[in-house]
Amino acid sequence: MGVSKTYTARDLDKLQQAQALYTAVNNWPSKKQYAAAGVSIPSLLSSLKVSPQTITFVSRDGYKVALTREQLTQARYTFANGKRARVEPILAYQYATDATALSDKKPQKTLTLVFGQLTAGEATNPAFVEDVTKIIFSDQEATWPAPAIFPGAQVVSAGESVKLTHPAQGLVKIYYTLDGSEPTLSSKLYNPSTYQPELNKPILITKDTTIKAIAYGYGKQPSAVATFSVKVR
């Protein structure tokens, strides 16, 4: 976006700092909990005076994760101890798997992207980029394609199942409803795990059913809602 700036550790120390207990879910999907302290990302963005549509965090080894501006800056939460509390996205220089260990840890020489969850089941852990060395801003905006269904004919025998699919299966989560309502991130999750496909259970059809589904993933806007009318022959 025509903006380039290098930050030293002293520069980052001058920005707003934040500390919290963050909850997350990984790709298995197991629940995780991290105590983290670091630089407030909203404060960092304000210092640059830019309004990007997409923000990409790049590690020293080239691993990168993109988030839309809304995904990064909207209200996100920790669900630690069964309570919901809002937390800021940060570049953490202190990072521990429990709250008590954080006070014993010396600041790290590397930064880790850490942010909260929209829902208690959101798999944020794979997006926690370690050893962040570069942040790229873009004014380009993209939308995920909508989910598809298999079999495509959408006519099945009672007791058969249908599957929801997506061309970027490992990068998105598919949320769906069976009651005709619009799906949200609080709806049923079709593919909870990238590494345990046995958890991605097909949908059992016993009667004529309307399935509505959306795809949600980092770096792009959620897909349009796909509607499938499955008939029982």
C-alpha atoms as a PDB file:
ATOM      1  CA  MET A   1       0.000   0.000   0.000  1.00  0.00           C
ATOM      2  CA  GLY A   2       3.016   2.257  -0.460  1.00  0.00           C
ATOM      3  CA  VAL A   3       3.928   2.150   3.232  1.00  0.00           C
ATOM      4  CA  SER A   4       7.162   0.642   4.541  1.00  0.00           C
ATOM      5  CA  LYS A   5       8.423   1.002   8.074  1.00  0.00           C
ATOM      6  CA  THR A   6      10.904  -0.844  10.274  1.00  0.00           C
ATOM      7  CA  TYR A   7      10.335  -1.157  14.006  1.00  0.00           C
ATOM      8  CA  THR A   8      13.016  -1.695  16.614  1.00  0.00           C
ATOM      9  CA  ALA A   9      12.282  -3.290  19.988  1.00  0.00           C
ATOM     10  CA  ARG A  10      12.403   0.196  21.507  1.00  0.00           C
ATOM     11  CA  ASP A  11       9.792   1.413  18.988  1.00  0.00           C
ATOM     12  CA  LEU A  12       7.465  -1.441  19.930  1.00  0.00           C
ATOM     13  CA  ASP A  13       7.901  -0.702  23.636  1.00  0.00           C
ATOM     14  CA  LYS A  14       6.418   2.760  23.034  1.00  0.00           C
ATOM     15  CA  LEU A  15       3.171   1.309  21.673  1.00  0.00           C
ATOM     16  CA  GLN A  16       0.237   0.171  23.805  1.00  0.00           C
ATOM     17  CA  GLN A  17       0.832  -3.169  25.521  1.00  0.00           C
ATOM     18  CA  ALA A  18      -1.726  -5.862  26.370  1.00  0.00           C
ATOM     19  CA  GLN A  19      -1.798  -9.073  28.375  1.00  0.00           C
ATOM     20  CA  ALA A  20      -4.442 -11.792  28.669  1.00  0.00           C
ATOM     21  CA  LEU A  21      -5.213 -15.479  28.949  1.00  0.00           C
ATOM     22  CA  TYR A  22      -6.118 -16.646  25.426  1.00  0.00           C
ATOM     23  CA  THR A  23      -8.117 -19.751  24.523  1.00  0.00           C
ATOM     24  CA  ALA A  24      -7.769 -21.529  21.199  1.00  0.00           C
ATOM     25  CA  VAL A  25      -8.564 -24.728  19.309  1.00  0.00           C
ATOM     26  CA  ASN A  26      -6.020 -26.460  17.085  1.00  0.00           C
ATOM     27  CA  ASN A  27      -6.448 -28.629  13.991  1.00  0.00           C
ATOM     28  CA  TRP A  28      -6.856 -31.934  15.879  1.00  0.00           C
ATOM     29  CA  PRO A  29      -9.114 -30.263  17.328  1.00  0.00           C
ATOM     30  CA  SER A  30      -7.934 -29.913  20.922  1.00  0.00           C
ATOM     31  CA  LYS A  31      -8.541 -26.974  23.219  1.00  0.00           C
ATOM     32  CA  LYS A  32      -5.519 -24.871  24.120  1.00  0.00           C
ATOM     33  CA  GLN A  33      -4.884 -22.041  26.558  1.00  0.00           C
ATOM     34  CA  TYR A  34      -2.066 -19.495  26.487  1.00  0.00           C
ATOM     35  CA  ALA A  35      -1.012 -16.634  28.689  1.00  0.00           C
ATOM     36  CA  ALA A  36       0.487 -13.967  26.455  1.00  0.00           C
ATOM     37  CA  ALA A  37       1.731 -10.406  26.720  1.00  0.00           C
ATOM     38  CA  GLY A  38       2.862  -8.112  23.948  1.00  0.00           C
ATOM     39  CA  VAL A  39       2.209  -5.234  21.597  1.00  0.00           C
ATOM     40  CA  SER A  40      -1.384  -4.261  20.822  1.00  0.00           C
ATOM     41  CA  ILE A  41      -1.928  -4.750  17.088  1.00  0.00           C
ATOM     42  CA  PRO A  42      -4.628  -2.021  16.875  1.00  0.00           C
ATOM     43  CA  SER A  43      -2.055   0.352  18.387  1.00  0.00           C
ATOM     44  CA  LEU A  44       0.492  -0.764  15.797  1.00  0.00           C
ATOM     45  CA  LEU A  45      -1.962  -0.209  12.942  1.00  0.00           C
ATOM     46  CA  SER A  46      -2.853   3.229  14.269  1.00  0.00           C
ATOM     47  CA  SER A  47       0.805   4.210  14.228  1.00  0.00           C
ATOM     48  CA  LEU A  48       0.958   3.515  10.479  1.00  0.00           C
ATOM     49  CA  LYS A  49      -2.233   5.426   9.632  1.00  0.00           C
ATOM     50  CA  VAL A  50      -3.329   2.904   6.976  1.00  0.00           C
ATOM     51  CA  SER A  51      -6.645   1.104   6.445  1.00  0.00           C
ATOM     52  CA  PRO A  52      -5.797  -2.209   4.741  1.00  0.00           C
ATOM     53  CA  GLN A  53      -8.405  -4.767   3.711  1.00  0.00           C
ATOM     54  CA  THR A  54      -6.038  -7.702   4.255  1.00  0.00           C
ATOM     55  CA  ILE A  55      -3.182  -8.038   6.753  1.00  0.00           C
ATOM     56  CA  THR A  56      -0.621 -10.818   6.308  1.00  0.00           C
ATOM     57  CA  PHE A  57       1.790 -11.903   9.058  1.00  0.00           C
ATOM     58  CA  VAL A  58       4.997 -13.539   7.804  1.00  0.00           C
ATOM     59  CA  SER A  59       7.452 -15.569   9.890  1.00  0.00           C
ATOM     60  CA  ARG A  60      11.201 -15.733   9.403  1.00  0.00           C
ATOM     61  CA  ASP A  61      10.889 -19.141   7.698  1.00  0.00           C
ATOM     62  CA  GLY A  62       8.223 -17.907   5.266  1.00  0.00           C
ATOM     63  CA  TYR A  63       5.089 -19.273   6.972  1.00  0.00           C
ATOM     64  CA  LYS A  64       2.298 -16.742   6.578  1.00  0.00           C
ATOM     65  CA  VAL A  65      -1.275 -16.194   7.648  1.00  0.00           C
ATOM     66  CA  ALA A  66      -3.585 -13.557   6.176  1.00  0.00           C
ATOM     67  CA  LEU A  67      -6.576 -12.072   7.975  1.00  0.00           C
ATOM     68  CA  THR A  68      -9.091  -9.558   6.788  1.00  0.00           C
ATOM     69  CA  ARG A  69      -9.136  -6.281   8.660  1.00  0.00           C
ATOM     70  CA  GLU A  70     -12.505  -7.224  10.158  1.00  0.00           C
ATOM     71  CA  GLN A  71     -11.273 -10.656  11.302  1.00  0.00           C
ATOM     72  CA  LEU A  72      -8.348  -9.063  13.095  1.00  0.00           C
ATOM     73  CA  THR A  73     -10.021  -6.033  14.666  1.00  0.00           C
ATOM     74  CA  GLN A  74     -13.577  -7.199  15.421  1.00  0.00           C
ATOM     75  CA  ALA A  75     -14.516  -8.135  18.984  1.00  0.00           C
ATOM     76  CA  ARG A  76     -12.764 -11.387  19.915  1.00  0.00           C
ATOM     77  CA  TYR A  77     -12.806 -13.217  23.207  1.00  0.00           C
ATOM     78  CA  THR A  78     -11.156 -15.631  25.595  1.00  0.00           C
ATOM     79  CA  PHE A  79     -13.320 -18.366  27.100  1.00  0.00           C
ATOM     80  CA  ALA A  80     -10.960 -19.212  29.945  1.00  0.00           C
ATOM     81  CA  ASN A  81     -12.482 -20.555  33.157  1.00  0.00           C
ATOM     82  CA  GLY A  82     -15.900 -20.803  31.508  1.00  0.00           C
ATOM     83  CA  LYS A  83     -16.250 -17.025  31.194  1.00  0.00           C
ATOM     84  CA  ARG A  84     -16.186 -14.873  28.056  1.00  0.00           C
ATOM     85  CA  ALA A  85     -13.963 -11.784  28.130  1.00  0.00           C
ATOM     86  CA  ARG A  86     -12.822  -9.581  25.277  1.00  0.00           C
ATOM     87  CA  VAL A  87      -9.101  -9.687  24.391  1.00  0.00           C
ATOM     88  CA  GLU A  88      -6.958  -7.690  21.965  1.00  0.00           C
ATOM     89  CA  PRO A  89      -4.919  -9.185  19.135  1.00  0.00           C
ATOM     90  CA  ILE A  90      -1.228  -8.868  20.004  1.00  0.00           C
ATOM     91  CA  LEU A  91       2.280  -9.561  18.841  1.00  0.00           C
ATOM     92  CA  ALA A  92       3.347 -11.510  21.901  1.00  0.00           C
ATOM     93  CA  TYR A  93       6.877 -11.316  23.279  1.00  0.00           C
ATOM     94  CA  GLN A  94       5.870 -13.455  26.275  1.00  0.00           C
ATOM     95  CA  TYR A  95       4.043 -16.698  25.655  1.00  0.00           C
ATOM     96  CA  ALA A  96       3.237 -19.554  28.060  1.00  0.00           C
ATOM     97  CA  THR A  97       0.807 -22.446  28.292  1.00  0.00           C
ATOM     98  CA  ASP A  98      -0.523 -21.332  31.670  1.00  0.00           C
ATOM     99  CA  ALA A  99      -0.975 -18.053  33.482  1.00  0.00           C
ATOM    100  CA  THR A 100       1.417 -18.734  36.351  1.00  0.00           C
ATOM    101  CA  ALA A 101       4.342 -19.450  34.020  1.00  0.00           C
ATOM    102  CA  LEU A 102       4.108 -16.077  32.284  1.00  0.00           C
ATOM    103  CA  SER A 103       5.536 -14.102  35.201  1.00  0.00           C
ATOM    104  CA  ASP A 104       8.548 -16.417  35.252  1.00  0.00           C
ATOM    105  CA  LYS A 105       9.280 -16.057  31.559  1.00  0.00           C
ATOM    106  CA  LYS A 106      11.743 -13.540  30.231  1.00  0.00           C
ATOM    107  CA  PRO A 107      10.641 -11.596  27.135  1.00  0.00           C
ATOM    108  CA  GLN A 108      11.368 -13.556  23.974  1.00  0.00           C
ATOM    109  CA  LYS A 109      13.474 -12.209  21.130  1.00  0.00           C
ATOM    110  CA  THR A 110      10.742 -13.203  18.669  1.00  0.00           C
ATOM    111  CA  LEU A 111       7.117 -12.146  18.279  1.00  0.00           C
ATOM    112  CA  THR A 112       4.060 -14.409  17.955  1.00  0.00           C
ATOM    113  CA  LEU A 113       0.692 -13.404  16.515  1.00  0.00           C
ATOM    114  CA  VAL A 114      -2.010 -14.208  19.101  1.00  0.00           C
ATOM    115  CA  PHE A 115      -5.689 -13.283  18.972  1.00  0.00           C
ATOM    116  CA  GLY A 116      -8.993 -14.287  20.514  1.00  0.00           C
ATOM    117  CA  GLN A 117     -11.880 -16.441  19.333  1.00  0.00           C
ATOM    118  CA  LEU A 118     -15.242 -15.421  17.918  1.00  0.00           C
ATOM    119  CA  THR A 119     -16.783 -18.588  19.380  1.00  0.00           C
ATOM    120  CA  ALA A 120     -15.431 -21.114  21.853  1.00  0.00           C
ATOM    121  CA  GLY A 121     -14.967 -23.667  19.055  1.00  0.00           C
ATOM    122  CA  GLU A 122     -13.127 -21.483  16.551  1.00  0.00           C
ATOM    123  CA  ALA A 123      -9.825 -23.051  15.463  1.00  0.00           C
ATOM    124  CA  THR A 124      -7.539 -20.049  15.900  1.00  0.00           C
ATOM    125  CA  ASN A 125      -4.404 -21.924  16.963  1.00  0.00           C
ATOM    126  CA  PRO A 126      -3.134 -22.703  13.406  1.00  0.00           C
ATOM    127  CA  ALA A 127      -3.104 -18.952  12.703  1.00  0.00           C
ATOM    128  CA  PHE A 128      -0.778 -18.103  15.607  1.00  0.00           C
ATOM    129  CA  VAL A 129       2.291 -17.206  13.537  1.00  0.00           C
ATOM    130  CA  GLU A 130       5.557 -17.569  15.453  1.00  0.00           C
ATOM    131  CA  ASP A 131       8.691 -15.506  14.830  1.00  0.00           C
ATOM    132  CA  VAL A 132       6.866 -12.732  12.956  1.00  0.00           C
ATOM    133  CA  THR A 133       9.331 -10.576  11.043  1.00  0.00           C
ATOM    134  CA  LYS A 134       7.109  -8.834   8.506  1.00  0.00           C
ATOM    135  CA  ILE A 135       3.541  -7.566   8.179  1.00  0.00           C
ATOM    136  CA  ILE A 136       2.150  -6.951   4.692  1.00  0.00           C
ATOM    137  CA  PHE A 137      -0.844  -4.708   4.078  1.00  0.00           C
ATOM    138  CA  SER A 138      -3.086  -4.979   1.029  1.00  0.00           C
ATOM    139  CA  ASP A 139      -6.131  -3.080  -0.145  1.00  0.00           C
ATOM    140  CA  GLN A 140      -7.296  -6.135  -2.129  1.00  0.00           C
ATOM    141  CA  GLU A 141     -10.373  -7.972  -0.904  1.00  0.00           C
ATOM    142  CA  ALA A 142     -11.540 -11.498  -1.745  1.00  0.00           C
ATOM    143  CA  THR A 143     -14.428 -13.802  -0.833  1.00  0.00           C
ATOM    144  CA  TRP A 144     -14.313 -17.561  -0.270  1.00  0.00           C
ATOM    145  CA  PRO A 145     -16.281 -19.713  -2.747  1.00  0.00           C
ATOM    146  CA  ALA A 146     -19.469 -21.256  -1.417  1.00  0.00           C
ATOM    147  CA  PRO A 147     -19.553 -24.903  -0.277  1.00  0.00           C
ATOM    148  CA  ALA A 148     -20.797 -27.646  -2.596  1.00  0.00           C
ATOM    149  CA  ILE A 149     -22.661 -30.889  -1.918  1.00  0.00           C
ATOM    150  CA  PHE A 150     -22.056 -34.531  -2.868  1.00  0.00           C
ATOM    151  CA  PRO A 151     -23.852 -36.223  -4.504  1.00  0.00           C
ATOM    152  CA  GLY A 152     -24.737 -33.297  -6.714  1.00  0.00           C
ATOM    153  CA  ALA A 153     -28.097 -34.756  -7.784  1.00  0.00           C
ATOM    154  CA  GLN A 154     -29.473 -34.053  -4.267  1.00  0.00           C
ATOM    155  CA  VAL A 155     -31.922 -36.952  -4.518  1.00  0.00           C
ATOM    156  CA  VAL A 156     -31.179 -39.797  -2.109  1.00  0.00           C
ATOM    157  CA  SER A 157     -32.854 -42.737  -0.444  1.00  0.00           C
ATOM    158  CA  ALA A 158     -33.999 -42.354   3.150  1.00  0.00           C
ATOM    159  CA  GLY A 159     -31.116 -43.230   5.478  1.00  0.00           C
ATOM    160  CA  GLU A 160     -28.404 -42.185   3.027  1.00  0.00           C
ATOM    161  CA  SER A 161     -25.940 -39.373   3.728  1.00  0.00           C
ATOM    162  CA  VAL A 162     -24.678 -36.353   1.831  1.00  0.00           C
ATOM    163  CA  LYS A 163     -21.337 -34.611   2.153  1.00  0.00           C
ATOM    164  CA  LEU A 164     -20.416 -30.929   2.097  1.00  0.00           C
ATOM    165  CA  THR A 165     -17.254 -30.093   0.177  1.00  0.00           C
ATOM    166  CA  HIS A 166     -15.080 -27.088  -0.603  1.00  0.00           C
ATOM    167  CA  PRO A 167     -12.130 -26.530  -2.987  1.00  0.00           C
ATOM    168  CA  ALA A 168     -10.100 -25.078  -0.093  1.00  0.00           C
ATOM    169  CA  GLN A 169     -11.117 -27.795   2.379  1.00  0.00           C
ATOM    170  CA  GLY A 170      -8.066 -27.392   4.626  1.00  0.00           C
ATOM    171  CA  LEU A 171      -8.315 -23.593   4.796  1.00  0.00           C
ATOM    172  CA  VAL A 172     -11.998 -23.100   5.627  1.00  0.00           C
ATOM    173  CA  LYS A 173     -14.598 -24.319   8.057  1.00  0.00           C
ATOM    174  CA  ILE A 174     -18.104 -25.112   6.793  1.00  0.00           C
ATOM    175  CA  TYR A 175     -21.035 -24.157   9.022  1.00  0.00           C
ATOM    176  CA  TYR A 176     -24.553 -25.362   8.212  1.00  0.00           C
ATOM    177  CA  THR A 177     -28.180 -25.528   9.317  1.00  0.00           C
ATOM    178  CA  LEU A 178     -30.943 -28.038   8.632  1.00  0.00           C
ATOM    179  CA  ASP A 179     -33.928 -25.945   9.767  1.00  0.00           C
ATOM    180  CA  GLY A 180     -33.920 -23.331   7.002  1.00  0.00           C
ATOM    181  CA  SER A 181     -32.218 -20.655   9.114  1.00  0.00           C
ATOM    182  CA  GLU A 182     -29.164 -18.726   7.940  1.00  0.00           C
ATOM    183  CA  PRO A 183     -25.898 -20.341   9.087  1.00  0.00           C
ATOM    184  CA  THR A 184     -23.460 -18.474  11.338  1.00  0.00           C
ATOM    185  CA  LEU A 185     -20.231 -19.360  13.157  1.00  0.00           C
ATOM    186  CA  SER A 186     -22.430 -20.654  15.983  1.00  0.00           C
ATOM    187  CA  SER A 187     -24.189 -23.159  13.682  1.00  0.00           C
ATOM    188  CA  LYS A 188     -23.263 -26.837  13.265  1.00  0.00           C
ATOM    189  CA  LEU A 189     -19.649 -27.291  12.136  1.00  0.00           C
ATOM    190  CA  TYR A 190     -19.242 -29.804   9.326  1.00  0.00           C
ATOM    191  CA  ASN A 191     -15.432 -30.179   9.222  1.00  0.00           C
ATOM    192  CA  PRO A 192     -14.017 -29.638  12.720  1.00  0.00           C
ATOM    193  CA  SER A 193     -10.630 -31.201  11.969  1.00  0.00           C
ATOM    194  CA  THR A 194      -8.069 -31.024   9.184  1.00  0.00           C
ATOM    195  CA  TYR A 195      -6.126 -33.993  10.545  1.00  0.00           C
ATOM    196  CA  GLN A 196      -8.965 -36.236  11.737  1.00  0.00           C
ATOM    197  CA  PRO A 197     -11.284 -36.735   8.744  1.00  0.00           C
ATOM    198  CA  GLU A 198     -13.321 -39.252  10.750  1.00  0.00           C
ATOM    199  CA  LEU A 199     -14.722 -36.267  12.668  1.00  0.00           C
ATOM    200  CA  ASN A 200     -16.080 -34.741   9.444  1.00  0.00           C
ATOM    201  CA  LYS A 201     -19.314 -36.708   9.512  1.00  0.00           C
ATOM    202  CA  PRO A 202     -21.692 -36.773   6.493  1.00  0.00           C
ATOM    203  CA  ILE A 203     -25.236 -35.520   7.059  1.00  0.00           C
ATOM    204  CA  LEU A 204     -27.841 -38.270   7.472  1.00  0.00           C
ATOM    205  CA  ILE A 205     -30.980 -37.675   5.416  1.00  0.00           C
ATOM    206  CA  THR A 206     -34.233 -39.268   6.609  1.00  0.00           C
ATOM    207  CA  LYS A 207     -36.697 -36.827   5.014  1.00  0.00           C
ATOM    208  CA  ASP A 208     -36.747 -33.928   2.577  1.00  0.00           C
ATOM    209  CA  THR A 209     -34.195 -31.501   4.000  1.00  0.00           C
ATOM    210  CA  THR A 210     -32.973 -27.992   3.222  1.00  0.00           C
ATOM    211  CA  ILE A 211     -29.282 -27.535   4.007  1.00  0.00           C
ATOM    212  CA  LYS A 212     -27.829 -24.038   4.165  1.00  0.00           C
ATOM    213  CA  ALA A 213     -24.050 -23.690   4.415  1.00  0.00           C
ATOM    214  CA  ILE A 214     -21.302 -21.062   4.459  1.00  0.00           C
ATOM    215  CA  ALA A 215     -17.514 -21.301   4.289  1.00  0.00           C
ATOM    216  CA  TYR A 216     -15.434 -19.256   6.723  1.00  0.00           C
ATOM    217  CA  GLY A 217     -11.667 -18.914   6.622  1.00  0.00           C
ATOM    218  CA  TYR A 218      -8.953 -16.407   7.397  1.00  0.00           C
ATOM    219  CA  GLY A 219      -7.834 -13.839   4.845  1.00  0.00           C
ATOM    220  CA  LYS A 220     -11.102 -13.642   2.880  1.00  0.00           C
ATOM    221  CA  GLN A 221     -14.699 -12.662   3.469  1.00  0.00           C
ATOM    222  CA  PRO A 222     -17.113 -15.518   4.329  1.00  0.00           C
ATOM    223  CA  SER A 223     -18.772 -17.140   1.326  1.00  0.00           C
ATOM    224  CA  ALA A 224     -22.298 -16.540   0.183  1.00  0.00           C
ATOM    225  CA  VAL A 225     -24.843 -18.918   1.712  1.00  0.00           C
ATOM    226  CA  ALA A 226     -25.294 -22.062  -0.379  1.00  0.00           C
ATOM    227  CA  THR A 227     -28.762 -23.670  -0.238  1.00  0.00           C
ATOM    228  CA  PHE A 228     -29.306 -27.339  -1.073  1.00  0.00           C
ATOM    229  CA  SER A 229     -32.742 -28.966  -1.213  1.00  0.00           C
ATOM    230  CA  VAL A 230     -32.202 -32.687  -0.663  1.00  0.00           C
ATOM    231  CA  LYS A 231     -35.170 -34.859  -1.638  1.00  0.00           C
ATOM    232  CA  VAL A 232     -35.884 -38.386  -0.476  1.00  0.00           C
ATOM    233  CA  ARG A 233     -36.884 -40.652  -3.363  1.00  0.00           C
END
